[in-house]
């Protein structure tokens, strides 16, 4: 990942979280339904097909410690 992204994720000024379906988060991963109050959220969205995004999610160590804010896949998008 770009150093600028790693710096933002490590910044105490933001609350970073990965936007991803909760079904792919491990049991130990914190899953949120809304951003917590306090710091401004830093949403990390993985750009690619679902197959590519799942691979990035699993193989990106800098995302491991971040909570997941789950997207609702039960609603059909237009």
N, C-alpha and C. Protein backbone atom coordinates (compact mmCIF):
# COMPACT_ATOMS: atom_id res chain seq x y z
N UNK A 1 0.83 -1.21 0.00
CA UNK A 1 0.00 0.00 0.00
C UNK A 1 0.86 1.26 0.00
N UNK A 2 0.33 2.35 -0.50
CA UNK A 2 1.09 3.61 -0.49
C UNK A 2 1.39 4.06 0.94
N UNK A 3 2.54 4.66 1.13
CA UNK A 3 2.93 5.13 2.46
C UNK A 3 1.93 6.14 3.01
N UNK A 4 1.34 6.96 2.15
CA UNK A 4 0.36 7.95 2.60
C UNK A 4 -0.85 7.27 3.25
N UNK A 5 -1.27 6.13 2.71
CA UNK A 5 -2.38 5.38 3.31
C UNK A 5 -1.97 4.80 4.66
N UNK A 6 -0.79 4.23 4.73
CA UNK A 6 -0.31 3.68 6.00
C UNK A 6 -0.20 4.76 7.06
N UNK A 7 0.23 5.95 6.67
CA UNK A 7 0.32 7.07 7.61
C UNK A 7 -1.06 7.48 8.11
N UNK A 8 -2.04 7.50 7.23
CA UNK A 8 -3.41 7.84 7.65
C UNK A 8 -3.97 6.80 8.60
N UNK A 9 -3.76 5.54 8.29
CA UNK A 9 -4.26 4.45 9.15
C UNK A 9 -3.64 4.54 10.54
N UNK A 10 -2.38 4.95 10.62
CA UNK A 10 -1.68 5.05 11.91
C UNK A 10 -1.94 6.38 12.62
N UNK A 11 -2.58 7.32 11.96
CA UNK A 11 -2.80 8.65 12.54
C UNK A 11 -3.77 8.60 13.71
N UNK A 12 -3.44 9.27 14.82
CA UNK A 12 -4.36 9.31 15.96
C UNK A 12 -5.54 10.25 15.72
N UNK A 13 -5.53 10.96 14.59
CA UNK A 13 -6.59 11.92 14.29
C UNK A 13 -7.84 11.28 13.68
N UNK A 14 -7.75 10.03 13.24
CA UNK A 14 -8.85 9.36 12.56
C UNK A 14 -9.15 8.01 13.18
N UNK A 15 -10.36 7.52 12.91
CA UNK A 15 -10.75 6.16 13.28
C UNK A 15 -10.86 5.35 11.99
N UNK A 16 -9.78 4.63 11.62
CA UNK A 16 -9.83 3.86 10.37
C UNK A 16 -10.68 2.61 10.53
N UNK A 17 -11.37 2.26 9.46
CA UNK A 17 -12.16 1.03 9.43
C UNK A 17 -12.30 0.57 7.99
N UNK A 18 -12.31 -0.74 7.81
CA UNK A 18 -12.49 -1.32 6.48
C UNK A 18 -13.98 -1.49 6.22
N UNK A 19 -14.43 -1.03 5.07
CA UNK A 19 -15.82 -1.22 4.66
C UNK A 19 -15.87 -2.55 3.91
N UNK A 20 -16.52 -3.54 4.55
CA UNK A 20 -16.51 -4.88 3.99
C UNK A 20 -17.61 -5.70 4.65
N UNK A 21 -18.13 -6.73 3.98
CA UNK A 21 -19.17 -7.56 4.58
C UNK A 21 -18.66 -8.27 5.84
N UNK A 22 -19.47 -8.26 6.87
CA UNK A 22 -19.10 -8.89 8.14
C UNK A 22 -18.88 -10.39 7.99
N UNK A 23 -19.52 -11.00 7.01
CA UNK A 23 -19.39 -12.45 6.83
C UNK A 23 -17.96 -12.87 6.50
N UNK A 24 -17.13 -11.95 6.05
CA UNK A 24 -15.75 -12.26 5.74
C UNK A 24 -14.80 -11.92 6.89
N UNK A 25 -15.30 -11.30 7.90
CA UNK A 25 -14.47 -10.94 9.06
C UNK A 25 -14.33 -12.15 9.97
N UNK A 26 -13.15 -12.34 10.50
CA UNK A 26 -12.94 -13.43 11.44
C UNK A 26 -13.65 -13.16 12.76
N UNK A 27 -13.75 -14.18 13.58
CA UNK A 27 -14.45 -14.07 14.87
C UNK A 27 -13.81 -13.03 15.78
N UNK A 28 -12.50 -12.85 15.69
CA UNK A 28 -11.80 -11.91 16.56
C UNK A 28 -11.92 -10.47 16.08
N UNK A 29 -12.41 -10.26 14.88
CA UNK A 29 -12.49 -8.91 14.29
C UNK A 29 -13.71 -8.17 14.81
N UNK A 30 -13.50 -6.92 15.20
CA UNK A 30 -14.61 -6.07 15.64
C UNK A 30 -15.42 -5.67 14.40
N UNK A 31 -16.74 -5.86 14.47
CA UNK A 31 -17.63 -5.50 13.37
C UNK A 31 -18.56 -4.39 13.86
N UNK A 32 -18.60 -3.31 13.13
CA UNK A 32 -19.42 -2.15 13.47
C UNK A 32 -20.58 -2.04 12.50
N UNK A 33 -21.68 -1.46 12.98
CA UNK A 33 -22.80 -1.17 12.08
C UNK A 33 -22.90 0.33 11.81
N UNK A 34 -22.17 1.12 12.58
CA UNK A 34 -22.10 2.57 12.40
C UNK A 34 -20.75 3.05 12.93
N UNK A 35 -20.24 4.14 12.40
CA UNK A 35 -18.96 4.66 12.92
C UNK A 35 -19.11 5.08 14.38
N UNK A 36 -18.11 4.82 15.20
CA UNK A 36 -18.17 5.24 16.60
C UNK A 36 -18.06 6.77 16.71
N UNK A 37 -18.63 7.35 17.77
CA UNK A 37 -18.49 8.80 17.95
C UNK A 37 -17.05 9.15 18.30
N UNK A 38 -16.72 10.39 18.10
CA UNK A 38 -15.37 10.86 18.45
C UNK A 38 -14.60 11.28 17.23
N UNK A 39 -13.58 10.54 16.93
CA UNK A 39 -12.70 10.88 15.80
C UNK A 39 -13.46 10.74 14.48
N UNK A 40 -13.07 11.53 13.47
CA UNK A 40 -13.67 11.36 12.15
C UNK A 40 -13.32 9.97 11.59
N UNK A 41 -14.29 9.31 10.96
CA UNK A 41 -13.99 7.98 10.40
C UNK A 41 -13.11 8.09 9.17
N UNK A 42 -12.28 7.10 9.00
CA UNK A 42 -11.45 6.95 7.80
C UNK A 42 -11.89 5.63 7.17
N UNK A 43 -12.76 5.71 6.18
CA UNK A 43 -13.30 4.51 5.54
C UNK A 43 -12.31 4.01 4.48
N UNK A 44 -11.95 2.75 4.59
CA UNK A 44 -11.06 2.12 3.61
C UNK A 44 -11.91 1.17 2.78
N UNK A 45 -12.04 1.50 1.51
CA UNK A 45 -12.84 0.69 0.60
C UNK A 45 -11.90 0.03 -0.40
N UNK A 46 -12.02 -1.27 -0.51
CA UNK A 46 -11.16 -2.03 -1.42
C UNK A 46 -11.79 -2.04 -2.80
N UNK A 47 -11.07 -1.52 -3.77
CA UNK A 47 -11.59 -1.37 -5.12
C UNK A 47 -11.21 -2.56 -5.98
N UNK A 48 -12.21 -3.24 -6.49
CA UNK A 48 -11.98 -4.39 -7.36
C UNK A 48 -13.21 -5.27 -7.38
N UNK A 49 -13.11 -6.38 -8.08
CA UNK A 49 -14.20 -7.35 -8.04
C UNK A 49 -14.27 -7.94 -6.64
N UNK A 50 -15.36 -8.61 -6.31
CA UNK A 50 -15.46 -9.21 -4.98
C UNK A 50 -14.33 -10.21 -4.75
N UNK A 51 -13.96 -10.94 -5.78
CA UNK A 51 -12.86 -11.90 -5.63
C UNK A 51 -11.56 -11.18 -5.30
N UNK A 52 -11.27 -10.10 -6.03
CA UNK A 52 -10.06 -9.33 -5.76
C UNK A 52 -10.12 -8.66 -4.39
N UNK A 53 -11.26 -8.10 -4.04
CA UNK A 53 -11.41 -7.41 -2.75
C UNK A 53 -11.24 -8.39 -1.59
N UNK A 54 -11.81 -9.58 -1.71
CA UNK A 54 -11.63 -10.58 -0.63
C UNK A 54 -10.16 -10.95 -0.47
N UNK A 55 -9.46 -11.09 -1.58
CA UNK A 55 -8.04 -11.42 -1.52
C UNK A 55 -7.25 -10.29 -0.85
N UNK A 56 -7.54 -9.03 -1.23
CA UNK A 56 -6.87 -7.89 -0.60
C UNK A 56 -7.17 -7.84 0.89
N UNK A 57 -8.43 -8.11 1.26
CA UNK A 57 -8.84 -8.08 2.65
C UNK A 57 -8.06 -9.11 3.47
N UNK A 58 -7.91 -10.31 2.92
CA UNK A 58 -7.22 -11.39 3.64
C UNK A 58 -5.71 -11.20 3.67
N UNK A 59 -5.12 -10.60 2.63
CA UNK A 59 -3.67 -10.56 2.49
C UNK A 59 -3.05 -9.20 2.74
N UNK A 60 -3.76 -8.31 3.43
CA UNK A 60 -3.23 -6.97 3.72
C UNK A 60 -3.04 -6.83 5.22
N UNK A 61 -1.83 -7.06 5.71
CA UNK A 61 -1.60 -7.02 7.16
C UNK A 61 -1.99 -5.69 7.81
N UNK A 62 -1.91 -4.58 7.07
CA UNK A 62 -2.25 -3.29 7.67
C UNK A 62 -3.75 -3.18 7.97
N UNK A 63 -4.56 -4.06 7.40
CA UNK A 63 -6.00 -4.06 7.68
C UNK A 63 -6.37 -4.96 8.86
N UNK A 64 -5.47 -5.83 9.27
CA UNK A 64 -5.79 -6.85 10.28
C UNK A 64 -6.30 -6.29 11.60
N UNK A 65 -5.75 -5.17 12.04
CA UNK A 65 -6.12 -4.63 13.35
C UNK A 65 -7.31 -3.67 13.28
N UNK A 66 -7.80 -3.41 12.07
CA UNK A 66 -8.88 -2.44 11.93
C UNK A 66 -10.24 -3.09 12.09
N UNK A 67 -11.19 -2.37 12.68
CA UNK A 67 -12.55 -2.89 12.70
C UNK A 67 -13.13 -2.87 11.30
N UNK A 68 -14.17 -3.64 11.13
CA UNK A 68 -14.90 -3.69 9.86
C UNK A 68 -16.24 -3.00 10.07
N UNK A 69 -16.60 -2.11 9.17
CA UNK A 69 -17.95 -1.58 9.16
C UNK A 69 -18.63 -2.33 8.02
N UNK A 70 -19.65 -3.07 8.37
CA UNK A 70 -20.25 -4.00 7.43
C UNK A 70 -21.22 -3.32 6.48
N UNK A 71 -21.16 -3.76 5.23
CA UNK A 71 -22.13 -3.31 4.25
C UNK A 71 -23.30 -4.29 4.25
N UNK A 72 -24.49 -3.79 4.03
CA UNK A 72 -25.69 -4.60 4.03
C UNK A 72 -25.91 -5.16 2.63
N UNK A 73 -25.66 -6.45 2.45
CA UNK A 73 -25.81 -7.08 1.14
C UNK A 73 -27.21 -7.63 0.92
N UNK A 74 -28.11 -7.45 1.88
CA UNK A 74 -29.45 -7.98 1.72
C UNK A 74 -30.31 -7.09 0.82
N UNK A 75 -29.88 -5.84 0.63
CA UNK A 75 -30.61 -4.93 -0.24
C UNK A 75 -29.97 -4.91 -1.62
N UNK A 76 -30.80 -4.96 -2.65
CA UNK A 76 -30.31 -4.96 -4.02
C UNK A 76 -29.95 -3.52 -4.41
N UNK A 77 -28.78 -3.36 -5.02
CA UNK A 77 -28.39 -2.04 -5.48
C UNK A 77 -28.95 -1.78 -6.87
N UNK A 78 -29.08 -0.52 -7.19
CA UNK A 78 -29.61 -0.16 -8.51
C UNK A 78 -28.47 0.21 -9.45
